[in-house]
Amino acid sequence: MAWLAEERTPSRANLARLDAAYWDLRRRNVAADLKYRLNNNGRGTRAEVSPVDQPGLTTSTDAPCPAAA
C-alpha cells in the first residue's frame, strides 16, 4: 500500500470521505456503548459528580440556600 509507505497521500475529497466515515463509525460505537452501560439490564447506573476547583464560584457553605429563605 503506497499510503503506508508514504509514497502517496489521499486527495482532499478522499480525506473528507475517510474523515466522515471515521466519525460516523465512532458515533455509532460510542452510542451503542453508552446505551449498554447506562441501561445495565434495566437497572440503570449510578453516576458520581465530583466538584471542580473553579475560582470565583461560591460553594454551598459560602452562600445561603435559596430554598431555606
PDB file of N, CA and C in Angstrom:
ATOM      1  N   MET A   1       0.838  -1.173   0.000  1.00  0.00           N
ATOM      2  CA  MET A   1       0.000   0.000   0.000  1.00  0.00           C
ATOM      3  C   MET A   1       0.882   1.235   0.000  1.00  0.00           C
ATOM      4  N   ALA A   2       0.676   2.041  -1.009  1.00  0.00           N
ATOM      5  CA  ALA A   2       1.524   3.215  -1.201  1.00  0.00           C
ATOM      6  C   ALA A   2       1.365   4.234  -0.081  1.00  0.00           C
ATOM      7  N   TRP A   3       0.154   4.347   0.478  1.00  0.00           N
ATOM      8  CA  TRP A   3      -0.023   5.371   1.520  1.00  0.00           C
ATOM      9  C   TRP A   3       0.657   4.963   2.818  1.00  0.00           C
ATOM     10  N   LEU A   4       0.782   3.658   3.075  1.00  0.00           N
ATOM     11  CA  LEU A   4       1.517   3.223   4.267  1.00  0.00           C
ATOM     12  C   LEU A   4       3.007   3.508   4.130  1.00  0.00           C
ATOM     13  N   ALA A   5       3.526   3.381   2.904  1.00  0.00           N
ATOM     14  CA  ALA A   5       4.936   3.663   2.658  1.00  0.00           C
ATOM     15  C   ALA A   5       5.176   5.161   2.486  1.00  0.00           C
ATOM     16  N   GLU A   6       4.116   5.955   2.610  1.00  0.00           N
ATOM     17  CA  GLU A   6       4.165   7.416   2.470  1.00  0.00           C
ATOM     18  C   GLU A   6       4.655   7.852   1.093  1.00  0.00           C
ATOM     19  N   GLU A   7       4.321   7.034   0.084  1.00  0.00           N
ATOM     20  CA  GLU A   7       4.650   7.404  -1.292  1.00  0.00           C
ATOM     21  C   GLU A   7       3.556   8.257  -1.913  1.00  0.00           C
ATOM     22  N   ARG A   8       2.331   8.074  -1.438  1.00  0.00           N
ATOM     23  CA  ARG A   8       1.191   8.847  -1.927  1.00  0.00           C
ATOM     24  C   ARG A   8       0.306   9.241  -0.764  1.00  0.00           C
ATOM     25  N   THR A   9      -0.476  10.303  -0.967  1.00  0.00           N
ATOM     26  CA  THR A   9      -1.451  10.719   0.039  1.00  0.00           C
ATOM     27  C   THR A   9      -2.821  10.801  -0.624  1.00  0.00           C
ATOM     28  N   PRO A  10      -3.886  10.591   0.132  1.00  0.00           N
ATOM     29  CA  PRO A  10      -5.236  10.676  -0.440  1.00  0.00           C
ATOM     30  C   PRO A  10      -5.555  12.100  -0.899  1.00  0.00           C
ATOM     31  N   SER A  11      -6.447  12.198  -1.873  1.00  0.00           N
ATOM     32  CA  SER A  11      -6.891  13.517  -2.328  1.00  0.00           C
ATOM     33  C   SER A  11      -7.725  14.165  -1.225  1.00  0.00           C
ATOM     34  N   ARG A  12      -7.970  15.458  -1.360  1.00  0.00           N
ATOM     35  CA  ARG A  12      -8.790  16.154  -0.354  1.00  0.00           C
ATOM     36  C   ARG A  12     -10.186  15.544  -0.270  1.00  0.00           C
ATOM     37  N   ALA A  13     -10.741  15.186  -1.417  1.00  0.00           N
ATOM     38  CA  ALA A  13     -12.080  14.586  -1.424  1.00  0.00           C
ATOM     39  C   ALA A  13     -12.076  13.252  -0.681  1.00  0.00           C
ATOM     40  N   ASN A  14     -11.065  12.429  -0.926  1.00  0.00           N
ATOM     41  CA  ASN A  14     -10.992  11.139  -0.234  1.00  0.00           C
ATOM     42  C   ASN A  14     -10.700  11.315   1.248  1.00  0.00           C
ATOM     43  N   LEU A  15      -9.887  12.307   1.590  1.00  0.00           N
ATOM     44  CA  LEU A  15      -9.654  12.579   3.010  1.00  0.00           C
ATOM     45  C   LEU A  15     -10.951  12.973   3.714  1.00  0.00           C
ATOM     46  N   ALA A  16     -11.762  13.779   3.044  1.00  0.00           N
ATOM     47  CA  ALA A  16     -13.047  14.190   3.624  1.00  0.00           C
ATOM     48  C   ALA A  16     -13.955  12.980   3.788  1.00  0.00           C
ATOM     49  N   ARG A  17     -13.965  12.091   2.809  1.00  0.00           N
ATOM     50  CA  ARG A  17     -14.785  10.872   2.900  1.00  0.00           C
ATOM     51  C   ARG A  17     -14.303   9.972   4.029  1.00  0.00           C
ATOM     52  N   LEU A  18     -12.977   9.819   4.149  1.00  0.00           N
ATOM     53  CA  LEU A  18     -12.420   8.999   5.233  1.00  0.00           C
ATOM     54  C   LEU A  18     -12.763   9.587   6.597  1.00  0.00           C
ATOM     55  N   ASP A  19     -12.649  10.897   6.717  1.00  0.00           N
ATOM     56  CA  ASP A  19     -12.953  11.559   7.980  1.00  0.00           C
ATOM     57  C   ASP A  19     -14.427  11.388   8.347  1.00  0.00           C
ATOM     58  N   ALA A  20     -15.304  11.560   7.364  1.00  0.00           N
ATOM     59  CA  ALA A  20     -16.741  11.404   7.617  1.00  0.00           C
ATOM     60  C   ALA A  20     -17.066   9.967   8.026  1.00  0.00           C
ATOM     61  N   ALA A  21     -16.447   8.999   7.352  1.00  0.00           N
ATOM     62  CA  ALA A  21     -16.692   7.589   7.691  1.00  0.00           C
ATOM     63  C   ALA A  21     -16.176   7.273   9.096  1.00  0.00           C
ATOM     64  N   TYR A  22     -15.004   7.803   9.443  1.00  0.00           N
ATOM     65  CA  TYR A  22     -14.448   7.576  10.776  1.00  0.00           C
ATOM     66  C   TYR A  22     -15.379   8.100  11.859  1.00  0.00           C
ATOM     67  N   TRP A  23     -15.827   9.351  11.721  1.00  0.00           N
ATOM     68  CA  TRP A  23     -16.668   9.949  12.760  1.00  0.00           C
ATOM     69  C   TRP A  23     -18.043   9.302  12.811  1.00  0.00           C
ATOM     70  N   ASP A  24     -18.564   8.847  11.674  1.00  0.00           N
ATOM     71  CA  ASP A  24     -19.840   8.139  11.675  1.00  0.00           C
ATOM     72  C   ASP A  24     -19.717   6.837  12.459  1.00  0.00           C
ATOM     73  N   LEU A  25     -18.654   6.073  12.198  1.00  0.00           N
ATOM     74  CA  LEU A  25     -18.436   4.826  12.913  1.00  0.00           C
ATOM     75  C   LEU A  25     -18.199   5.078  14.398  1.00  0.00           C
ATOM     76  N   ARG A  26     -17.447   6.103  14.714  1.00  0.00           N
ATOM     77  CA  ARG A  26     -17.183   6.430  16.115  1.00  0.00           C
ATOM     78  C   ARG A  26     -18.471   6.789  16.854  1.00  0.00           C
ATOM     79  N   ARG A  27     -19.328   7.592  16.204  1.00  0.00           N
ATOM     80  CA  ARG A  27     -20.610   7.942  16.831  1.00  0.00           C
ATOM     81  C   ARG A  27     -21.436   6.698  17.112  1.00  0.00           C
ATOM     82  N   ARG A  28     -21.492   5.799  16.151  1.00  0.00           N
ATOM     83  CA  ARG A  28     -22.274   4.565  16.345  1.00  0.00           C
ATOM     84  C   ARG A  28     -21.712   3.732  17.488  1.00  0.00           C
ATOM     85  N   ASN A  29     -20.395   3.583  17.534  1.00  0.00           N
ATOM     86  CA  ASN A  29     -19.777   2.772  18.582  1.00  0.00           C
ATOM     87  C   ASN A  29     -19.966   3.396  19.959  1.00  0.00           C
ATOM     88  N   VAL A  30     -19.807   4.715  20.062  1.00  0.00           N
ATOM     89  CA  VAL A  30     -19.965   5.387  21.350  1.00  0.00           C
ATOM     90  C   VAL A  30     -21.417   5.301  21.807  1.00  0.00           C
ATOM     91  N   ALA A  31     -22.356   5.527  20.887  1.00  0.00           N
ATOM     92  CA  ALA A  31     -23.772   5.480  21.257  1.00  0.00           C
ATOM     93  C   ALA A  31     -24.160   4.087  21.738  1.00  0.00           C
ATOM     94  N   ALA A  32     -23.706   3.065  21.041  1.00  0.00           N
ATOM     95  CA  ALA A  32     -24.035   1.694  21.445  1.00  0.00           C
ATOM     96  C   ALA A  32     -23.422   1.367  22.799  1.00  0.00           C
ATOM     97  N   ASP A  33     -22.192   1.789  23.029  1.00  0.00           N
ATOM     98  CA  ASP A  33     -21.532   1.517  24.297  1.00  0.00           C
ATOM     99  C   ASP A  33     -22.216   2.246  25.447  1.00  0.00           C
ATOM    100  N   LEU A  34     -22.558   3.520  25.245  1.00  0.00           N
ATOM    101  CA  LEU A  34     -23.251   4.264  26.298  1.00  0.00           C
ATOM    102  C   LEU A  34     -24.615   3.662  26.605  1.00  0.00           C
ATOM    103  N   LYS A  35     -25.331   3.276  25.560  1.00  0.00           N
ATOM    104  CA  LYS A  35     -26.643   2.660  25.751  1.00  0.00           C
ATOM    105  C   LYS A  35     -26.519   1.388  26.586  1.00  0.00           C
ATOM    106  N   TYR A  36     -25.520   0.570  26.281  1.00  0.00           N
ATOM    107  CA  TYR A  36     -25.301  -0.665  27.033  1.00  0.00           C
ATOM    108  C   TYR A  36     -24.943  -0.355  28.479  1.00  0.00           C
ATOM    109  N   ARG A  37     -24.012   0.569  28.683  1.00  0.00           N
ATOM    110  CA  ARG A  37     -23.558   0.872  30.043  1.00  0.00           C
ATOM    111  C   ARG A  37     -24.644   1.526  30.893  1.00  0.00           C
ATOM    112  N   LEU A  38     -25.402   2.453  30.304  1.00  0.00           N
ATOM    113  CA  LEU A  38     -26.414   3.169  31.080  1.00  0.00           C
ATOM    114  C   LEU A  38     -27.652   2.323  31.349  1.00  0.00           C
ATOM    115  N   ASN A  39     -27.982   1.411  30.451  1.00  0.00           N
ATOM    116  CA  ASN A  39     -29.165   0.577  30.649  1.00  0.00           C
ATOM    117  C   ASN A  39     -28.933  -0.440  31.754  1.00  0.00           C
ATOM    118  N   ASN A  40     -27.813  -1.152  31.716  1.00  0.00           N
ATOM    119  CA  ASN A  40     -27.437  -2.108  32.759  1.00  0.00           C
ATOM    120  C   ASN A  40     -28.560  -3.104  33.045  1.00  0.00           C
ATOM    121  N   ASN A  41     -29.086  -3.706  31.986  1.00  0.00           N
ATOM    122  CA  ASN A  41     -30.156  -4.708  32.095  1.00  0.00           C
ATOM    123  C   ASN A  41     -31.392  -4.162  32.810  1.00  0.00           C
ATOM    124  N   GLY A  42     -31.732  -2.910  32.546  1.00  0.00           N
ATOM    125  CA  GLY A  42     -32.927  -2.314  33.127  1.00  0.00           C
ATOM    126  C   GLY A  42     -32.729  -1.732  34.510  1.00  0.00           C
ATOM    127  N   ARG A  43     -31.552  -1.871  35.081  1.00  0.00           N
ATOM    128  CA  ARG A  43     -31.300  -1.370  36.429  1.00  0.00           C
ATOM    129  C   ARG A  43     -30.748   0.037  36.438  1.00  0.00           C
ATOM    130  N   GLY A  44     -30.358   0.563  35.281  1.00  0.00           N
ATOM    131  CA  GLY A  44     -29.766   1.895  35.237  1.00  0.00           C
ATOM    132  C   GLY A  44     -28.341   1.866  35.721  1.00  0.00           C
ATOM    133  N   THR A  45     -27.840   3.006  36.089  1.00  0.00           N
ATOM    134  CA  THR A  45     -26.471   3.097  36.566  1.00  0.00           C
ATOM    135  C   THR A  45     -26.339   4.245  37.555  1.00  0.00           C
ATOM    136  N   ARG A  46     -25.293   4.234  38.289  1.00  0.00           N
ATOM    137  CA  ARG A  46     -25.013   5.319  39.222  1.00  0.00           C
ATOM    138  C   ARG A  46     -23.983   6.237  38.594  1.00  0.00           C
ATOM    139  N   ALA A  47     -24.101   7.499  38.876  1.00  0.00           N
ATOM    140  CA  ALA A  47     -23.132   8.477  38.383  1.00  0.00           C
ATOM    141  C   ALA A  47     -22.640   9.293  39.562  1.00  0.00           C
ATOM    142  N   GLU A  48     -21.352   9.477  39.632  1.00  0.00           N
ATOM    143  CA  GLU A  48     -20.767  10.280  40.694  1.00  0.00           C
ATOM    144  C   GLU A  48     -20.320  11.601  40.097  1.00  0.00           C
ATOM    145  N   VAL A  49     -20.749  12.682  40.694  1.00  0.00           N
ATOM    146  CA  VAL A  49     -20.382  14.008  40.226  1.00  0.00           C
ATOM    147  C   VAL A  49     -19.404  14.588  41.231  1.00  0.00           C
ATOM    148  N   SER A  50     -18.225  14.907  40.741  1.00  0.00           N
ATOM    149  CA  SER A  50     -17.195  15.461  41.613  1.00  0.00           C
ATOM    150  C   SER A  50     -17.088  16.960  41.386  1.00  0.00           C
ATOM    151  N   PRO A  51     -16.905  17.725  42.461  1.00  0.00           N
ATOM    152  CA  PRO A  51     -16.751  19.171  42.280  1.00  0.00           C
ATOM    153  C   PRO A  51     -15.443  19.485  41.564  1.00  0.00           C
ATOM    154  N   VAL A  52     -15.450  20.564  40.851  1.00  0.00           N
ATOM    155  CA  VAL A  52     -14.271  21.010  40.120  1.00  0.00           C
ATOM    156  C   VAL A  52     -13.784  22.288  40.777  1.00  0.00           C
ATOM    157  N   ASP A  53     -12.491  22.391  40.935  1.00  0.00           N
ATOM    158  CA  ASP A  53     -11.913  23.588  41.534  1.00  0.00           C
ATOM    159  C   ASP A  53     -12.014  24.731  40.530  1.00  0.00           C
ATOM    160  N   GLN A  54     -12.988  25.608  40.733  1.00  0.00           N
ATOM    161  CA  GLN A  54     -13.197  26.739  39.837  1.00  0.00           C
ATOM    162  C   GLN A  54     -13.210  28.015  40.661  1.00  0.00           C
ATOM    163  N   PRO A  55     -12.128  28.784  40.576  1.00  0.00           N
ATOM    164  CA  PRO A  55     -12.088  30.024  41.356  1.00  0.00           C
ATOM    165  C   PRO A  55     -13.201  30.979  40.905  1.00  0.00           C
ATOM    166  N   GLY A  56     -13.746  31.691  41.847  1.00  0.00           N
ATOM    167  CA  GLY A  56     -14.796  32.651  41.525  1.00  0.00           C
ATOM    168  C   GLY A  56     -16.197  32.116  41.770  1.00  0.00           C
ATOM    169  N   LEU A  57     -16.329  30.812  41.944  1.00  0.00           N
ATOM    170  CA  LEU A  57     -17.651  30.246  42.221  1.00  0.00           C
ATOM    171  C   LEU A  57     -17.816  30.081  43.721  1.00  0.00           C
ATOM    172  N   THR A  58     -19.029  30.284  44.189  1.00  0.00           N
ATOM    173  CA  THR A  58     -19.285  30.105  45.614  1.00  0.00           C
ATOM    174  C   THR A  58     -19.733  28.681  45.858  1.00  0.00           C
ATOM    175  N   THR A  59     -19.438  28.184  47.034  1.00  0.00           N
ATOM    176  CA  THR A  59     -19.872  26.847  47.414  1.00  0.00           C
ATOM    177  C   THR A  59     -21.122  26.961  48.272  1.00  0.00           C
ATOM    178  N   SER A  60     -21.691  25.843  48.584  1.00  0.00           N
ATOM    179  CA  SER A  60     -22.915  25.860  49.386  1.00  0.00           C
ATOM    180  C   SER A  60     -22.660  26.410  50.786  1.00  0.00           C
ATOM    181  N   THR A  61     -21.433  26.363  51.257  1.00  0.00           N
ATOM    182  CA  THR A  61     -21.131  26.900  52.585  1.00  0.00           C
ATOM    183  C   THR A  61     -20.924  28.410  52.535  1.00  0.00           C
ATOM    184  N   ASP A  62     -20.659  28.973  51.338  1.00  0.00           N
ATOM    185  CA  ASP A  62     -20.436  30.417  51.208  1.00  0.00           C
ATOM    186  C   ASP A  62     -21.729  31.202  51.085  1.00  0.00           C
ATOM    187  N   ALA A  63     -22.754  30.604  50.507  1.00  0.00           N
ATOM    188  CA  ALA A  63     -23.990  31.327  50.248  1.00  0.00           C
ATOM    189  C   ALA A  63     -25.158  30.585  50.926  1.00  0.00           C
ATOM    190  N   PRO A  64     -26.170  31.333  51.369  1.00  0.00           N
ATOM    191  CA  PRO A  64     -27.325  30.662  51.990  1.00  0.00           C
ATOM    192  C   PRO A  64     -28.117  29.893  50.932  1.00  0.00           C
ATOM    193  N   CYS A  65     -28.767  28.872  51.369  1.00  0.00           N
ATOM    194  CA  CYS A  65     -29.579  28.045  50.469  1.00  0.00           C
ATOM    195  C   CYS A  65     -30.842  28.812  50.101  1.00  0.00           C
ATOM    196  N   PRO A  66     -31.147  28.951  48.793  1.00  0.00           N
ATOM    197  CA  PRO A  66     -32.331  29.696  48.394  1.00  0.00           C
ATOM    198  C   PRO A  66     -33.630  29.041  48.858  1.00  0.00           C
ATOM    199  N   ALA A  67     -33.641  27.728  49.018  1.00  0.00           N
ATOM    200  CA  ALA A  67     -34.851  27.030  49.442  1.00  0.00           C
ATOM    201  C   ALA A  67     -35.166  27.301  50.903  1.00  0.00           C
ATOM    202  N   ALA A  68     -34.142  27.602  51.687  1.00  0.00           N
ATOM    203  CA  ALA A  68     -34.329  27.847  53.120  1.00  0.00           C
ATOM    204  C   ALA A  68     -34.837  29.263  53.384  1.00  0.00           C
ATOM    205  N   ALA A  69     -34.750  30.133  52.419  1.00  0.00           N
ATOM    206  CA  ALA A  69     -35.145  31.530  52.623  1.00  0.00           C
ATOM    207  C   ALA A  69     -36.642  31.710  52.547  1.00  0.00           C
TER     208      ALA A  69
END
